[in-house]
């Protein structure tokens, strides 16, 4: 299901409450740097009573934020943190939006397509690890 980002909070509530998609399996994103709305954000949901899955996808621009789905599915907490860490996408209302995989001071978001494959935060590596390169 592809929807406008303005519909996301209400739609996710409807899917949980009325359509019984009671489990948020994953939240992820894809970066398309050539598009105006550079990111697809995808929720993968599962309904135990119906034994069905659904994917909800929306597009957002770089720097835009989406409402957090943690109030709907508490398990979305770490999933949204991962999307923030890897892509830089913010979730408004998240209870503790901070990096989950990389150190707090890390510069950049490694799953963006404009983040080089050999790129690393050399300054962080040198300060925190005392070496020139982590590669």
N, C-alpha and C. Protein backbone atom coordinates (compact mmCIF):
# COMPACT_ATOMS: atom_id res chain seq x y z
N UNK A 1 0.85 -1.16 0.00
CA UNK A 1 0.00 0.00 0.00
C UNK A 1 0.91 1.23 0.00
N UNK A 2 0.74 2.10 -0.96
CA UNK A 2 1.51 3.34 -1.05
C UNK A 2 0.57 4.49 -0.71
N UNK A 3 0.96 5.30 0.28
CA UNK A 3 0.08 6.37 0.75
C UNK A 3 0.85 7.67 0.92
N UNK A 4 0.12 8.76 0.92
CA UNK A 4 0.71 10.07 1.20
C UNK A 4 1.14 10.12 2.66
N UNK A 5 2.25 10.77 2.93
CA UNK A 5 2.78 10.77 4.30
C UNK A 5 1.84 11.43 5.30
N UNK A 6 0.96 12.32 4.85
CA UNK A 6 0.01 12.96 5.77
C UNK A 6 -1.01 11.96 6.33
N UNK A 7 -1.18 10.82 5.68
CA UNK A 7 -2.16 9.82 6.11
C UNK A 7 -1.56 8.77 7.05
N UNK A 8 -0.25 8.77 7.21
CA UNK A 8 0.42 7.69 7.94
C UNK A 8 -0.10 7.47 9.35
N UNK A 9 -0.15 8.47 10.22
CA UNK A 9 -0.56 8.14 11.60
C UNK A 9 -1.96 7.53 11.69
N UNK A 10 -2.92 8.13 10.99
CA UNK A 10 -4.29 7.62 11.04
C UNK A 10 -4.39 6.23 10.42
N UNK A 11 -3.70 6.03 9.30
CA UNK A 11 -3.74 4.74 8.63
C UNK A 11 -3.16 3.64 9.50
N UNK A 12 -2.04 3.92 10.15
CA UNK A 12 -1.42 2.90 11.00
C UNK A 12 -2.34 2.53 12.17
N UNK A 13 -3.02 3.52 12.74
CA UNK A 13 -3.99 3.22 13.81
C UNK A 13 -5.13 2.35 13.28
N UNK A 14 -5.64 2.66 12.10
CA UNK A 14 -6.73 1.87 11.51
C UNK A 14 -6.27 0.44 11.25
N UNK A 15 -5.06 0.30 10.71
CA UNK A 15 -4.55 -1.04 10.44
C UNK A 15 -4.40 -1.86 11.71
N UNK A 16 -3.98 -1.21 12.79
CA UNK A 16 -3.86 -1.96 14.05
C UNK A 16 -5.22 -2.24 14.68
N UNK A 17 -6.05 -1.21 14.81
CA UNK A 17 -7.30 -1.34 15.57
C UNK A 17 -8.42 -2.03 14.81
N UNK A 18 -8.57 -1.73 13.53
CA UNK A 18 -9.70 -2.26 12.78
C UNK A 18 -9.33 -3.47 11.91
N UNK A 19 -8.13 -3.46 11.38
CA UNK A 19 -7.72 -4.55 10.50
C UNK A 19 -6.86 -5.59 11.22
N UNK A 20 -6.60 -5.36 12.50
CA UNK A 20 -5.92 -6.32 13.39
C UNK A 20 -4.46 -6.63 12.99
N UNK A 21 -3.78 -5.64 12.42
CA UNK A 21 -2.33 -5.79 12.20
C UNK A 21 -1.65 -5.39 13.50
N UNK A 22 -1.52 -6.40 14.37
CA UNK A 22 -1.11 -6.16 15.75
C UNK A 22 0.39 -6.26 15.99
N UNK A 23 1.17 -6.52 14.95
CA UNK A 23 2.62 -6.67 15.12
C UNK A 23 3.35 -5.88 14.05
N UNK A 24 4.22 -4.99 14.47
CA UNK A 24 5.08 -4.24 13.55
C UNK A 24 6.37 -5.05 13.37
N UNK A 25 6.48 -5.72 12.24
CA UNK A 25 7.62 -6.59 11.97
C UNK A 25 8.89 -5.78 11.73
N UNK A 26 8.77 -4.71 10.94
CA UNK A 26 9.95 -3.93 10.59
C UNK A 26 9.54 -2.55 10.11
N UNK A 27 10.46 -1.62 10.26
CA UNK A 27 10.36 -0.30 9.64
C UNK A 27 11.71 -0.08 8.99
N UNK A 28 11.69 0.28 7.73
CA UNK A 28 12.94 0.49 7.02
C UNK A 28 12.75 1.64 6.03
N UNK A 29 13.81 1.92 5.29
CA UNK A 29 13.75 3.01 4.32
C UNK A 29 14.64 2.65 3.13
N UNK A 30 14.42 3.38 2.04
CA UNK A 30 15.25 3.28 0.84
C UNK A 30 15.54 4.70 0.39
N UNK A 31 16.78 4.95 -0.01
CA UNK A 31 17.20 6.29 -0.41
C UNK A 31 17.30 6.36 -1.93
N UNK A 32 16.61 7.34 -2.52
CA UNK A 32 16.67 7.62 -3.95
C UNK A 32 17.13 9.08 -4.11
N UNK A 33 18.43 9.34 -4.12
CA UNK A 33 18.92 10.72 -4.08
C UNK A 33 18.51 11.58 -5.28
N UNK A 34 18.13 10.98 -6.40
CA UNK A 34 17.76 11.74 -7.58
C UNK A 34 16.33 12.27 -7.53
N UNK A 35 15.51 11.75 -6.61
CA UNK A 35 14.10 12.18 -6.51
C UNK A 35 13.96 13.40 -5.62
N UNK A 36 12.87 14.14 -5.82
CA UNK A 36 12.56 15.27 -4.93
C UNK A 36 12.27 14.77 -3.52
N UNK A 37 11.41 13.77 -3.41
CA UNK A 37 11.18 13.11 -2.12
C UNK A 37 12.11 11.91 -2.10
N UNK A 38 13.26 12.08 -1.47
CA UNK A 38 14.37 11.14 -1.59
C UNK A 38 14.18 9.81 -0.89
N UNK A 39 13.25 9.72 0.04
CA UNK A 39 13.15 8.50 0.85
C UNK A 39 11.80 7.83 0.72
N UNK A 40 11.83 6.50 0.60
CA UNK A 40 10.66 5.67 0.85
C UNK A 40 10.82 5.15 2.27
N UNK A 41 9.79 5.28 3.07
CA UNK A 41 9.78 4.68 4.40
C UNK A 41 8.71 3.59 4.37
N UNK A 42 9.09 2.40 4.85
CA UNK A 42 8.22 1.23 4.73
C UNK A 42 7.99 0.59 6.09
N UNK A 43 6.72 0.33 6.40
CA UNK A 43 6.33 -0.43 7.59
C UNK A 43 5.89 -1.81 7.12
N UNK A 44 6.43 -2.86 7.71
CA UNK A 44 6.00 -4.22 7.44
C UNK A 44 5.20 -4.66 8.66
N UNK A 45 3.92 -4.96 8.45
CA UNK A 45 3.01 -5.28 9.55
C UNK A 45 2.47 -6.70 9.38
N UNK A 46 2.13 -7.30 10.51
CA UNK A 46 1.60 -8.66 10.50
C UNK A 46 0.37 -8.74 11.39
N UNK A 47 -0.62 -9.48 10.91
CA UNK A 47 -1.83 -9.74 11.68
C UNK A 47 -1.84 -11.19 12.12
N UNK A 48 -1.72 -11.43 13.42
CA UNK A 48 -1.80 -12.80 13.93
C UNK A 48 -3.19 -13.40 13.70
N UNK A 49 -4.28 -12.68 14.00
CA UNK A 49 -5.60 -13.29 13.81
C UNK A 49 -5.88 -13.66 12.35
N UNK A 50 -5.37 -12.86 11.42
CA UNK A 50 -5.66 -13.10 10.00
C UNK A 50 -4.53 -13.82 9.27
N UNK A 51 -3.36 -13.95 9.92
CA UNK A 51 -2.18 -14.56 9.31
C UNK A 51 -1.87 -13.89 7.96
N UNK A 52 -1.82 -12.54 8.00
CA UNK A 52 -1.55 -11.75 6.80
C UNK A 52 -0.48 -10.71 7.09
N UNK A 53 0.22 -10.35 6.04
CA UNK A 53 1.21 -9.26 6.11
C UNK A 53 0.77 -8.15 5.17
N UNK A 54 1.22 -6.94 5.51
CA UNK A 54 1.00 -5.80 4.63
C UNK A 54 2.21 -4.89 4.74
N UNK A 55 2.54 -4.27 3.64
CA UNK A 55 3.60 -3.26 3.63
C UNK A 55 2.97 -1.92 3.33
N UNK A 56 3.29 -0.94 4.16
CA UNK A 56 2.81 0.43 3.96
C UNK A 56 4.02 1.27 3.61
N UNK A 57 3.93 1.98 2.49
CA UNK A 57 5.06 2.77 2.03
C UNK A 57 4.63 4.20 1.79
N UNK A 58 5.52 5.14 2.16
CA UNK A 58 5.30 6.55 1.86
C UNK A 58 6.62 7.16 1.43
N UNK A 59 6.53 8.32 0.81
CA UNK A 59 7.72 9.05 0.39
C UNK A 59 7.83 10.33 1.19
N UNK A 60 9.08 10.66 1.58
CA UNK A 60 9.32 11.93 2.27
C UNK A 60 10.60 12.57 1.72
N UNK A 61 10.68 13.87 1.88
CA UNK A 61 11.85 14.62 1.44
C UNK A 61 12.95 14.54 2.49
N UNK A 62 14.17 14.79 2.06
CA UNK A 62 15.29 14.84 2.99
C UNK A 62 15.05 15.97 3.99
N UNK A 63 15.21 15.68 5.26
CA UNK A 63 14.98 16.66 6.31
C UNK A 63 13.57 16.65 6.87
N UNK A 64 12.65 15.97 6.20
CA UNK A 64 11.27 15.88 6.71
C UNK A 64 11.21 14.82 7.81
N UNK A 65 10.19 14.92 8.63
CA UNK A 65 10.00 13.96 9.73
C UNK A 65 8.63 13.29 9.58
N UNK A 66 8.52 12.13 10.18
CA UNK A 66 7.26 11.40 10.24
C UNK A 66 6.85 11.24 11.69
N UNK A 67 5.56 11.09 11.97
CA UNK A 67 5.15 10.83 13.35
C UNK A 67 5.63 9.44 13.78
N UNK A 68 6.04 9.34 15.01
CA UNK A 68 6.50 8.06 15.55
C UNK A 68 5.34 7.08 15.64
N UNK A 69 5.63 5.83 15.37
CA UNK A 69 4.60 4.79 15.53
C UNK A 69 4.81 4.01 16.83
N UNK A 70 5.69 4.49 17.71
CA UNK A 70 5.90 3.85 19.01
C UNK A 70 4.61 3.83 19.84
N UNK A 71 3.77 4.89 19.81
CA UNK A 71 2.51 4.79 20.56
C UNK A 71 1.57 3.70 20.04
N UNK A 72 1.73 3.31 18.79
CA UNK A 72 0.88 2.28 18.20
C UNK A 72 1.44 0.90 18.49
N UNK A 73 2.74 0.72 18.22
CA UNK A 73 3.45 -0.53 18.47
C UNK A 73 4.72 -0.20 19.24
N UNK A 74 4.81 -0.48 20.52
CA UNK A 74 6.02 -0.18 21.29
C UNK A 74 7.30 -0.76 20.68
N UNK A 75 7.19 -1.88 19.97
CA UNK A 75 8.36 -2.49 19.33
C UNK A 75 8.95 -1.61 18.23
N UNK A 76 8.22 -0.60 17.79
CA UNK A 76 8.73 0.31 16.76
C UNK A 76 9.87 1.18 17.29
N UNK A 77 10.06 1.21 18.59
CA UNK A 77 11.09 2.05 19.20
C UNK A 77 12.45 1.82 18.56
N UNK A 78 12.95 0.61 18.62
CA UNK A 78 14.29 0.32 18.09
C UNK A 78 14.31 0.38 16.57
N UNK A 79 13.21 0.03 15.94
CA UNK A 79 13.15 0.06 14.48
C UNK A 79 13.29 1.50 13.96
N UNK A 80 12.60 2.44 14.61
CA UNK A 80 12.72 3.84 14.21
C UNK A 80 14.11 4.38 14.52
N UNK A 81 14.69 3.94 15.61
CA UNK A 81 16.06 4.38 15.92
C UNK A 81 17.04 3.90 14.85
N UNK A 82 16.85 2.70 14.35
CA UNK A 82 17.73 2.19 13.30
C UNK A 82 17.56 3.01 12.01
N UNK A 83 16.33 3.32 11.63
CA UNK A 83 16.09 4.14 10.44
C UNK A 83 16.72 5.52 10.62
N UNK A 84 16.59 6.08 11.81
CA UNK A 84 17.23 7.37 12.09
C UNK A 84 18.75 7.26 11.96
N UNK A 85 19.33 6.24 12.56
CA UNK A 85 20.78 6.05 12.57
C UNK A 85 21.32 5.84 11.15
N UNK A 86 20.69 5.00 10.37
CA UNK A 86 21.21 4.62 9.06
C UNK A 86 20.85 5.59 7.94
N UNK A 87 19.70 6.30 8.08
CA UNK A 87 19.24 7.19 7.01
C UNK A 87 19.10 8.65 7.44
N UNK A 88 19.03 8.93 8.73
CA UNK A 88 18.85 10.31 9.20
C UNK A 88 17.40 10.76 9.18
N UNK A 89 16.46 9.85 9.07
CA UNK A 89 15.03 10.20 9.06
C UNK A 89 14.55 10.33 10.51
N UNK A 90 13.94 11.47 10.82
CA UNK A 90 13.46 11.73 12.18
C UNK A 90 12.00 11.28 12.33
N UNK A 91 11.67 10.85 13.54
CA UNK A 91 10.31 10.45 13.89
C UNK A 91 9.85 11.32 15.05
N UNK A 92 8.96 12.25 14.75
CA UNK A 92 8.45 13.17 15.77
C UNK A 92 7.68 12.41 16.84
N UNK A 93 7.96 12.73 18.10
CA UNK A 93 7.27 12.09 19.21
C UNK A 93 7.93 10.81 19.68
N UNK A 94 9.04 10.43 19.06
CA UNK A 94 9.75 9.23 19.52
C UNK A 94 10.29 9.49 20.92
N UNK A 95 10.18 8.52 21.84
CA UNK A 95 10.58 8.76 23.23
C UNK A 95 12.08 8.92 23.46
N UNK A 96 12.93 8.42 22.54
CA UNK A 96 14.38 8.50 22.77
C UNK A 96 15.12 8.32 21.45
N UNK A 97 14.87 9.23 20.50
CA UNK A 97 15.44 9.09 19.16
C UNK A 97 16.93 9.44 19.19
N UNK A 98 17.74 8.40 19.17
CA UNK A 98 19.20 8.55 19.12
C UNK A 98 19.75 7.34 18.37
N UNK A 99 21.02 7.42 18.04
CA UNK A 99 21.65 6.32 17.29
C UNK A 99 21.55 5.02 18.08
N UNK A 100 21.45 3.91 17.33
CA UNK A 100 21.33 2.61 17.97
C UNK A 100 22.47 1.68 17.57
N UNK A 101 23.05 1.87 16.38
CA UNK A 101 24.12 1.00 15.91
C UNK A 101 25.48 1.69 15.91
N UNK A 102 25.49 2.96 15.56
CA UNK A 102 26.74 3.73 15.51
C UNK A 102 26.89 4.58 16.77
N UNK A 103 28.12 4.98 17.09
CA UNK A 103 28.32 5.82 18.27
C UNK A 103 27.63 7.18 18.11
N UNK A 104 27.30 7.79 19.24
CA UNK A 104 26.55 9.05 19.24
C UNK A 104 27.21 10.14 18.40
N UNK A 105 28.51 10.25 18.42
CA UNK A 105 29.19 11.33 17.70
C UNK A 105 29.46 11.08 16.23
N UNK A 106 29.00 9.96 15.68
CA UNK A 106 29.30 9.60 14.30
C UNK A 106 28.67 10.58 13.32
N UNK A 107 29.40 10.95 12.28
CA UNK A 107 28.89 11.86 11.25
C UNK A 107 28.41 11.04 10.05
N UNK A 108 27.23 11.35 9.58
CA UNK A 108 26.70 10.69 8.39
C UNK A 108 25.77 9.54 8.69
N UNK A 109 25.16 9.04 7.63
CA UNK A 109 24.17 7.96 7.73
C UNK A 109 24.50 6.92 6.65
N UNK A 110 25.08 5.80 7.04
CA UNK A 110 25.69 4.85 6.11
C UNK A 110 24.79 4.18 5.07
N UNK A 111 23.48 4.14 5.24
CA UNK A 111 22.66 3.49 4.23
C UNK A 111 22.11 4.46 3.18
N UNK A 112 22.49 5.73 3.28
CA UNK A 112 22.17 6.66 2.20
C UNK A 112 23.08 6.35 1.02
N UNK A 113 22.55 6.48 -0.16
CA UNK A 113 23.34 6.16 -1.35
C UNK A 113 24.44 7.18 -1.61
N UNK A 114 24.37 8.34 -0.98
CA UNK A 114 25.44 9.32 -1.16
C UNK A 114 26.54 9.17 -0.08
N UNK A 115 26.45 8.16 0.74
CA UNK A 115 27.48 7.85 1.75
C UNK A 115 28.40 6.82 1.10
N UNK A 116 29.65 7.19 0.85
CA UNK A 116 30.58 6.32 0.13
C UNK A 116 30.79 4.97 0.80
N UNK A 117 31.02 3.96 -0.02
CA UNK A 117 31.17 2.60 0.49
C UNK A 117 32.38 2.46 1.41
N UNK A 118 33.41 3.25 1.19
CA UNK A 118 34.60 3.20 2.05
C UNK A 118 34.63 4.36 3.02
N UNK A 119 33.59 5.17 3.02
CA UNK A 119 33.55 6.34 3.87
C UNK A 119 33.41 5.93 5.33
N UNK A 120 34.07 6.66 6.19
CA UNK A 120 33.91 6.48 7.63
C UNK A 120 34.15 7.83 8.28
N UNK A 121 33.81 7.94 9.51
CA UNK A 121 34.06 9.17 10.24
C UNK A 121 35.48 9.09 10.80
N UNK A 122 36.46 9.52 9.98
CA UNK A 122 37.87 9.42 10.37
C UNK A 122 38.17 10.13 11.68
N UNK A 123 37.54 11.28 11.89
CA UNK A 123 37.79 12.03 13.12
C UNK A 123 37.34 11.22 14.33
N UNK A 124 36.15 10.60 14.27
CA UNK A 124 35.66 9.79 15.39
C UNK A 124 36.58 8.61 15.62
N UNK A 125 36.99 7.93 14.55
CA UNK A 125 37.86 6.77 14.67
C UNK A 125 39.18 7.16 15.33
N UNK A 126 39.76 8.27 14.90
CA UNK A 126 41.05 8.69 15.46
C UNK A 126 40.92 9.08 16.93
N UNK A 127 39.88 9.83 17.28
CA UNK A 127 39.70 10.29 18.66
C UNK A 127 39.37 9.13 19.58
N UNK A 128 38.45 8.26 19.17
CA UNK A 128 37.93 7.22 20.06
C UNK A 128 38.68 5.90 20.02
N UNK A 129 39.33 5.61 18.89
CA UNK A 129 40.05 4.36 18.77
C UNK A 129 41.56 4.55 18.74
N UNK A 130 41.99 5.79 18.52
CA UNK A 130 43.42 6.09 18.50
C UNK A 130 44.15 5.54 17.30
N UNK A 131 43.44 5.27 16.20
CA UNK A 131 44.08 4.78 14.99
C UNK A 131 43.69 5.68 13.81
N UNK A 132 44.43 5.59 12.74
CA UNK A 132 44.17 6.42 11.55
C UNK A 132 42.92 5.97 10.80
N UNK A 133 42.73 4.66 10.72
CA UNK A 133 41.61 4.14 9.92
C UNK A 133 41.07 2.88 10.57
N UNK A 134 39.77 2.73 10.50
CA UNK A 134 39.13 1.53 11.00
C UNK A 134 38.99 0.47 9.92
N UNK A 135 39.53 0.74 8.73
CA UNK A 135 39.39 -0.21 7.62
C UNK A 135 40.65 -0.98 7.39
